[in-house]
Amino acid sequence: MGAQKRLIRTICLAAVLVSSAANSAFAHETETQQGVASFYSDRFQGATTASGQPFDQQALTAAHPSLPFGTKVLVTRPDTGQEVEVLINDRGPFIQGRIIDLSKRAAAKLGMIRRGTAPVMVTLLD
């Protein structure tokens, strides 16, 4: 049992270190992050975001795992060139491989409503 507990602790520590390295790499070493974007389900309309603001599908907002609330980012689809500026006001996404969760209005500006997700580049603006 002791060896199993040590293994679990080691795996948890490794996960925290990898997560911290990924977040700090975005915030300090580069101003652009590449990955997959998704958008909020309509069922979250009006729900309180992590920043305390009510979620609004028509606002140009997004969730990011680590950027400070109030950060503005430019989200660009490299495959189409479409882009939208959004304000970070929530935490997420909580699905592995996704880097940003957009409001429906922001997702529509990127032309990704039908497909649900899209490859994106997230660039810090301030």
N, C-alpha and C. Protein backbone atom coordinates (compact mmCIF):
# COMPACT_ATOMS: atom_id res chain seq x y z
N MET A 1 0.82 -1.20 0.00
CA MET A 1 0.00 0.00 0.00
C MET A 1 0.86 1.25 0.00
N GLY A 2 1.99 1.27 0.71
CA GLY A 2 2.86 2.43 0.76
C GLY A 2 3.41 2.79 -0.60
N ALA A 3 3.81 1.79 -1.38
CA ALA A 3 4.34 2.03 -2.72
C ALA A 3 3.26 2.61 -3.63
N GLN A 4 2.04 2.13 -3.48
CA GLN A 4 0.94 2.63 -4.30
C GLN A 4 0.65 4.10 -3.98
N LYS A 5 0.67 4.45 -2.70
CA LYS A 5 0.45 5.85 -2.30
C LYS A 5 1.54 6.76 -2.84
N ARG A 6 2.80 6.29 -2.78
CA ARG A 6 3.92 7.09 -3.31
C ARG A 6 3.75 7.30 -4.81
N LEU A 7 3.33 6.26 -5.52
CA LEU A 7 3.12 6.36 -6.97
C LEU A 7 2.03 7.39 -7.28
N ILE A 8 0.94 7.32 -6.53
CA ILE A 8 -0.17 8.26 -6.75
C ILE A 8 0.30 9.69 -6.48
N ARG A 9 1.05 9.89 -5.38
CA ARG A 9 1.57 11.23 -5.07
C ARG A 9 2.49 11.73 -6.18
N THR A 10 3.34 10.85 -6.69
CA THR A 10 4.27 11.22 -7.75
C THR A 10 3.52 11.61 -9.01
N ILE A 11 2.49 10.86 -9.36
CA ILE A 11 1.69 11.17 -10.56
C ILE A 11 0.98 12.51 -10.37
N CYS A 12 0.42 12.74 -9.19
CA CYS A 12 -0.27 14.02 -8.93
C CYS A 12 0.71 15.19 -9.01
N LEU A 13 1.88 15.04 -8.41
CA LEU A 13 2.88 16.10 -8.47
C LEU A 13 3.31 16.38 -9.90
N ALA A 14 3.51 15.33 -10.68
CA ALA A 14 3.89 15.50 -12.08
C ALA A 14 2.80 16.25 -12.85
N ALA A 15 1.54 15.92 -12.60
CA ALA A 15 0.44 16.61 -13.27
C ALA A 15 0.41 18.09 -12.93
N VAL A 16 0.64 18.42 -11.66
CA VAL A 16 0.67 19.82 -11.24
C VAL A 16 1.83 20.55 -11.90
N LEU A 17 3.00 19.93 -11.94
CA LEU A 17 4.17 20.56 -12.55
C LEU A 17 3.97 20.78 -14.04
N VAL A 18 3.41 19.80 -14.74
CA VAL A 18 3.16 19.96 -16.17
C VAL A 18 2.15 21.06 -16.41
N SER A 19 1.09 21.08 -15.61
CA SER A 19 0.08 22.13 -15.75
C SER A 19 0.68 23.50 -15.48
N SER A 20 1.47 23.63 -14.44
CA SER A 20 2.10 24.91 -14.12
C SER A 20 3.05 25.35 -15.22
N ALA A 21 3.81 24.41 -15.76
CA ALA A 21 4.74 24.75 -16.84
C ALA A 21 3.99 25.21 -18.07
N ALA A 22 2.90 24.55 -18.39
CA ALA A 22 2.12 24.94 -19.57
C ALA A 22 1.54 26.33 -19.39
N ASN A 23 0.99 26.61 -18.20
CA ASN A 23 0.40 27.92 -17.95
C ASN A 23 1.45 29.01 -17.93
N SER A 24 2.61 28.76 -17.30
CA SER A 24 3.63 29.79 -17.24
C SER A 24 4.26 30.01 -18.61
N ALA A 25 4.32 28.98 -19.43
CA ALA A 25 4.88 29.14 -20.77
C ALA A 25 4.03 30.13 -21.57
N PHE A 26 2.71 30.05 -21.40
CA PHE A 26 1.85 30.97 -22.12
C PHE A 26 1.98 32.38 -21.57
N ALA A 27 1.98 32.51 -20.27
CA ALA A 27 1.94 33.84 -19.67
C ALA A 27 3.27 34.57 -19.69
N HIS A 28 4.39 33.85 -19.74
CA HIS A 28 5.66 34.55 -19.58
C HIS A 28 6.62 34.42 -20.76
N GLU A 29 6.60 33.31 -21.46
CA GLU A 29 7.60 33.09 -22.49
C GLU A 29 7.11 33.44 -23.90
N THR A 30 5.81 33.41 -24.10
CA THR A 30 5.27 33.71 -25.41
C THR A 30 3.93 34.40 -25.25
N GLU A 31 3.52 35.11 -26.24
CA GLU A 31 2.24 35.79 -26.17
C GLU A 31 1.18 35.10 -27.00
N THR A 32 1.49 33.93 -27.58
CA THR A 32 0.53 33.20 -28.40
C THR A 32 0.48 31.75 -27.97
N GLN A 33 -0.74 31.22 -27.93
CA GLN A 33 -0.97 29.83 -27.59
C GLN A 33 -1.81 29.21 -28.70
N GLN A 34 -1.47 28.01 -29.13
CA GLN A 34 -2.24 27.32 -30.17
C GLN A 34 -2.95 26.12 -29.57
N GLY A 35 -4.15 25.86 -30.07
CA GLY A 35 -4.91 24.71 -29.59
C GLY A 35 -6.29 24.71 -30.19
N VAL A 36 -7.24 24.16 -29.43
CA VAL A 36 -8.61 24.02 -29.90
C VAL A 36 -9.54 24.88 -29.04
N ALA A 37 -10.44 25.59 -29.71
CA ALA A 37 -11.46 26.38 -29.03
C ALA A 37 -12.80 25.65 -29.11
N SER A 38 -13.61 25.87 -28.09
CA SER A 38 -14.99 25.40 -28.07
C SER A 38 -15.85 26.58 -27.64
N PHE A 39 -17.17 26.36 -27.55
CA PHE A 39 -18.01 27.44 -27.06
C PHE A 39 -19.04 26.91 -26.08
N TYR A 40 -19.53 27.83 -25.24
CA TYR A 40 -20.46 27.48 -24.18
C TYR A 40 -21.80 26.98 -24.72
N SER A 41 -22.37 26.05 -24.01
CA SER A 41 -23.73 25.59 -24.27
C SER A 41 -24.70 26.69 -23.84
N ASP A 42 -25.86 26.74 -24.49
CA ASP A 42 -26.89 27.72 -24.14
C ASP A 42 -27.37 27.56 -22.69
N ARG A 43 -27.19 26.39 -22.11
CA ARG A 43 -27.68 26.16 -20.74
C ARG A 43 -26.94 27.01 -19.70
N PHE A 44 -25.78 27.60 -20.09
CA PHE A 44 -25.03 28.44 -19.15
C PHE A 44 -25.45 29.90 -19.19
N GLN A 45 -26.36 30.27 -20.09
CA GLN A 45 -26.82 31.65 -20.19
C GLN A 45 -27.32 32.13 -18.82
N GLY A 46 -26.76 33.23 -18.33
CA GLY A 46 -27.18 33.81 -17.06
C GLY A 46 -26.48 33.23 -15.84
N ALA A 47 -25.76 32.12 -16.00
CA ALA A 47 -25.05 31.53 -14.87
C ALA A 47 -23.92 32.45 -14.44
N THR A 48 -23.54 32.37 -13.18
CA THR A 48 -22.44 33.20 -12.68
C THR A 48 -21.11 32.61 -13.11
N THR A 49 -20.26 33.44 -13.72
CA THR A 49 -18.93 33.00 -14.14
C THR A 49 -17.98 33.03 -12.94
N ALA A 50 -16.79 32.51 -13.12
CA ALA A 50 -15.79 32.49 -12.04
C ALA A 50 -15.42 33.91 -11.60
N SER A 51 -15.58 34.89 -12.49
CA SER A 51 -15.26 36.28 -12.13
C SER A 51 -16.40 36.95 -11.37
N GLY A 52 -17.54 36.26 -11.27
CA GLY A 52 -18.70 36.82 -10.58
C GLY A 52 -19.71 37.48 -11.51
N GLN A 53 -19.35 37.65 -12.79
CA GLN A 53 -20.27 38.24 -13.76
C GLN A 53 -21.25 37.20 -14.27
N PRO A 54 -22.48 37.60 -14.61
CA PRO A 54 -23.39 36.65 -15.24
C PRO A 54 -22.92 36.36 -16.67
N PHE A 55 -23.02 35.11 -17.07
CA PHE A 55 -22.60 34.74 -18.43
C PHE A 55 -23.64 35.21 -19.43
N ASP A 56 -23.15 35.79 -20.53
CA ASP A 56 -24.01 36.30 -21.61
C ASP A 56 -23.50 35.78 -22.94
N GLN A 57 -24.30 34.96 -23.60
CA GLN A 57 -23.90 34.38 -24.89
C GLN A 57 -23.65 35.46 -25.95
N GLN A 58 -24.22 36.64 -25.77
CA GLN A 58 -24.06 37.70 -26.78
C GLN A 58 -22.88 38.63 -26.50
N ALA A 59 -22.22 38.46 -25.37
CA ALA A 59 -21.03 39.26 -25.07
C ALA A 59 -19.82 38.60 -25.73
N LEU A 60 -18.79 39.37 -25.98
CA LEU A 60 -17.56 38.81 -26.56
C LEU A 60 -16.62 38.47 -25.40
N THR A 61 -16.91 37.32 -24.78
CA THR A 61 -16.16 36.88 -23.61
C THR A 61 -15.70 35.44 -23.79
N ALA A 62 -14.82 35.00 -22.88
CA ALA A 62 -14.29 33.64 -22.97
C ALA A 62 -13.78 33.17 -21.62
N ALA A 63 -13.62 31.86 -21.53
CA ALA A 63 -13.00 31.23 -20.36
C ALA A 63 -11.62 30.74 -20.76
N HIS A 64 -10.66 30.93 -19.87
CA HIS A 64 -9.29 30.44 -20.06
C HIS A 64 -8.83 29.86 -18.74
N PRO A 65 -8.01 28.81 -18.77
CA PRO A 65 -7.60 28.17 -17.51
C PRO A 65 -6.77 29.05 -16.58
N SER A 66 -5.98 29.99 -17.10
CA SER A 66 -5.04 30.68 -16.22
C SER A 66 -4.90 32.18 -16.42
N LEU A 67 -5.33 32.73 -17.53
CA LEU A 67 -5.17 34.17 -17.74
C LEU A 67 -6.02 34.95 -16.74
N PRO A 68 -5.52 36.08 -16.27
CA PRO A 68 -6.28 36.88 -15.31
C PRO A 68 -7.59 37.39 -15.91
N PHE A 69 -8.62 37.49 -15.06
CA PHE A 69 -9.88 38.06 -15.50
C PHE A 69 -9.62 39.49 -15.99
N GLY A 70 -10.30 39.88 -17.06
CA GLY A 70 -10.10 41.21 -17.62
C GLY A 70 -9.05 41.26 -18.71
N THR A 71 -8.34 40.15 -18.95
CA THR A 71 -7.35 40.10 -20.02
C THR A 71 -8.05 40.06 -21.37
N LYS A 72 -7.57 40.86 -22.30
CA LYS A 72 -8.10 40.82 -23.66
C LYS A 72 -7.18 39.95 -24.51
N VAL A 73 -7.81 39.09 -25.32
CA VAL A 73 -7.05 38.24 -26.23
C VAL A 73 -7.68 38.29 -27.61
N LEU A 74 -6.84 38.05 -28.61
CA LEU A 74 -7.30 37.91 -29.98
C LEU A 74 -7.31 36.43 -30.30
N VAL A 75 -8.46 35.91 -30.70
CA VAL A 75 -8.58 34.50 -31.05
C VAL A 75 -8.69 34.43 -32.58
N THR A 76 -7.77 33.69 -33.19
CA THR A 76 -7.69 33.61 -34.65
C THR A 76 -7.77 32.17 -35.10
N ARG A 77 -8.57 31.92 -36.14
CA ARG A 77 -8.59 30.60 -36.78
C ARG A 77 -7.55 30.63 -37.90
N PRO A 78 -6.45 29.91 -37.74
CA PRO A 78 -5.42 29.93 -38.79
C PRO A 78 -5.90 29.32 -40.11
N ASP A 79 -6.90 28.44 -40.04
CA ASP A 79 -7.38 27.79 -41.26
C ASP A 79 -8.26 28.70 -42.11
N THR A 80 -8.86 29.75 -41.50
CA THR A 80 -9.75 30.65 -42.26
C THR A 80 -9.33 32.11 -42.17
N GLY A 81 -8.51 32.45 -41.19
CA GLY A 81 -8.12 33.84 -40.99
C GLY A 81 -9.14 34.64 -40.18
N GLN A 82 -10.27 34.06 -39.82
CA GLN A 82 -11.27 34.77 -39.03
C GLN A 82 -10.73 35.01 -37.63
N GLU A 83 -11.09 36.17 -37.05
CA GLU A 83 -10.59 36.49 -35.72
C GLU A 83 -11.63 37.28 -34.95
N VAL A 84 -11.48 37.22 -33.61
CA VAL A 84 -12.37 37.95 -32.72
C VAL A 84 -11.59 38.30 -31.46
N GLU A 85 -11.85 39.48 -30.93
CA GLU A 85 -11.25 39.92 -29.67
C GLU A 85 -12.24 39.61 -28.55
N VAL A 86 -11.76 38.95 -27.50
CA VAL A 86 -12.62 38.61 -26.38
C VAL A 86 -11.97 38.99 -25.06
N LEU A 87 -12.81 39.10 -24.03
CA LEU A 87 -12.38 39.42 -22.69
C LEU A 87 -12.49 38.15 -21.84
N ILE A 88 -11.44 37.81 -21.11
CA ILE A 88 -11.46 36.63 -20.24
C ILE A 88 -12.23 36.97 -18.97
N ASN A 89 -13.32 36.23 -18.71
CA ASN A 89 -14.11 36.47 -17.49
C ASN A 89 -14.52 35.17 -16.79
N ASP A 90 -13.93 34.05 -17.21
CA ASP A 90 -14.31 32.77 -16.61
C ASP A 90 -13.15 31.79 -16.69
N ARG A 91 -13.25 30.68 -16.00
CA ARG A 91 -12.25 29.60 -16.03
C ARG A 91 -12.78 28.45 -16.86
N GLY A 92 -11.88 27.77 -17.50
CA GLY A 92 -12.21 26.64 -18.37
C GLY A 92 -11.36 26.75 -19.60
N PRO A 93 -11.56 25.97 -20.59
CA PRO A 93 -12.46 24.83 -20.63
C PRO A 93 -11.92 23.66 -19.79
N PHE A 94 -12.79 22.74 -19.48
CA PHE A 94 -12.43 21.62 -18.63
C PHE A 94 -12.39 20.31 -19.41
N ILE A 95 -12.12 20.41 -20.69
CA ILE A 95 -11.98 19.23 -21.55
C ILE A 95 -10.55 19.23 -22.09
N GLN A 96 -9.88 18.12 -21.90
CA GLN A 96 -8.47 18.01 -22.30
C GLN A 96 -8.29 18.38 -23.78
N GLY A 97 -7.25 19.16 -24.05
CA GLY A 97 -6.93 19.54 -25.41
C GLY A 97 -7.51 20.87 -25.85
N ARG A 98 -8.45 21.40 -25.08
CA ARG A 98 -9.05 22.69 -25.43
C ARG A 98 -8.39 23.79 -24.62
N ILE A 99 -8.18 24.95 -25.26
CA ILE A 99 -7.45 26.03 -24.60
C ILE A 99 -8.31 27.24 -24.27
N ILE A 100 -9.50 27.34 -24.88
CA ILE A 100 -10.36 28.49 -24.63
C ILE A 100 -11.80 28.09 -24.93
N ASP A 101 -12.71 28.63 -24.12
CA ASP A 101 -14.15 28.41 -24.30
C ASP A 101 -14.77 29.77 -24.60
N LEU A 102 -15.42 29.89 -25.72
CA LEU A 102 -15.94 31.18 -26.20
C LEU A 102 -17.44 31.32 -25.98
N SER A 103 -17.90 32.56 -25.90
CA SER A 103 -19.34 32.82 -25.93
C SER A 103 -19.83 32.46 -27.33
N LYS A 104 -21.14 32.28 -27.46
CA LYS A 104 -21.70 31.91 -28.76
C LYS A 104 -21.46 33.00 -29.81
N ARG A 105 -21.57 34.27 -29.41
CA ARG A 105 -21.33 35.37 -30.35
C ARG A 105 -19.89 35.34 -30.87
N ALA A 106 -18.92 35.10 -29.98
CA ALA A 106 -17.52 35.02 -30.40
C ALA A 106 -17.31 33.82 -31.33
N ALA A 107 -17.92 32.69 -30.99
CA ALA A 107 -17.80 31.50 -31.83
C ALA A 107 -18.39 31.74 -33.21
N ALA A 108 -19.50 32.47 -33.27
CA ALA A 108 -20.12 32.78 -34.57
C ALA A 108 -19.20 33.64 -35.42
N LYS A 109 -18.50 34.59 -34.79
CA LYS A 109 -17.57 35.43 -35.54
C LYS A 109 -16.41 34.61 -36.11
N LEU A 110 -16.13 33.47 -35.49
CA LEU A 110 -15.08 32.58 -35.99
C LEU A 110 -15.63 31.52 -36.94
N GLY A 111 -16.94 31.52 -37.14
CA GLY A 111 -17.55 30.56 -38.06
C GLY A 111 -17.47 29.12 -37.57
N MET A 112 -17.58 28.92 -36.27
CA MET A 112 -17.42 27.56 -35.74
C MET A 112 -18.67 27.00 -35.08
N ILE A 113 -19.81 27.64 -35.26
CA ILE A 113 -21.03 27.18 -34.61
C ILE A 113 -21.42 25.77 -35.07
N ARG A 114 -21.37 25.50 -36.34
CA ARG A 114 -21.80 24.19 -36.85
C ARG A 114 -20.87 23.07 -36.42
N ARG A 115 -19.57 23.33 -36.40
CA ARG A 115 -18.64 22.26 -36.09
C ARG A 115 -18.36 22.11 -34.59
N GLY A 116 -18.62 23.15 -33.79
CA GLY A 116 -18.49 23.04 -32.35
C GLY A 116 -17.12 23.37 -31.80
N THR A 117 -16.07 23.00 -32.50
CA THR A 117 -14.71 23.32 -32.10
C THR A 117 -13.94 23.77 -33.33
N ALA A 118 -12.82 24.42 -33.09
CA ALA A 118 -11.98 24.85 -34.22
C ALA A 118 -10.56 25.05 -33.71
N PRO A 119 -9.57 24.84 -34.59
CA PRO A 119 -8.20 25.15 -34.22
C PRO A 119 -8.05 26.67 -34.14
N VAL A 120 -7.34 27.15 -33.11
CA VAL A 120 -7.19 28.59 -32.93
C VAL A 120 -5.79 28.93 -32.43
N MET A 121 -5.49 30.22 -32.58
CA MET A 121 -4.32 30.82 -31.93
C MET A 121 -4.89 31.89 -31.01
N VAL A 122 -4.44 31.89 -29.76
CA VAL A 122 -4.87 32.90 -28.78
C VAL A 122 -3.67 33.80 -28.52
N THR A 123 -3.85 35.10 -28.80
CA THR A 123 -2.78 36.07 -28.67
C THR A 123 -3.15 37.11 -27.61
N LEU A 124 -2.26 37.33 -26.65
CA LEU A 124 -2.48 38.35 -25.63
C LEU A 124 -2.50 39.73 -26.25
N LEU A 125 -3.47 40.57 -25.87
CA LEU A 125 -3.51 41.94 -26.34
C LEU A 125 -3.09 42.92 -25.26
N ASP A 126 -3.27 42.57 -24.01
CA ASP A 126 -2.83 43.43 -22.91
C ASP A 126 -2.53 42.63 -21.68
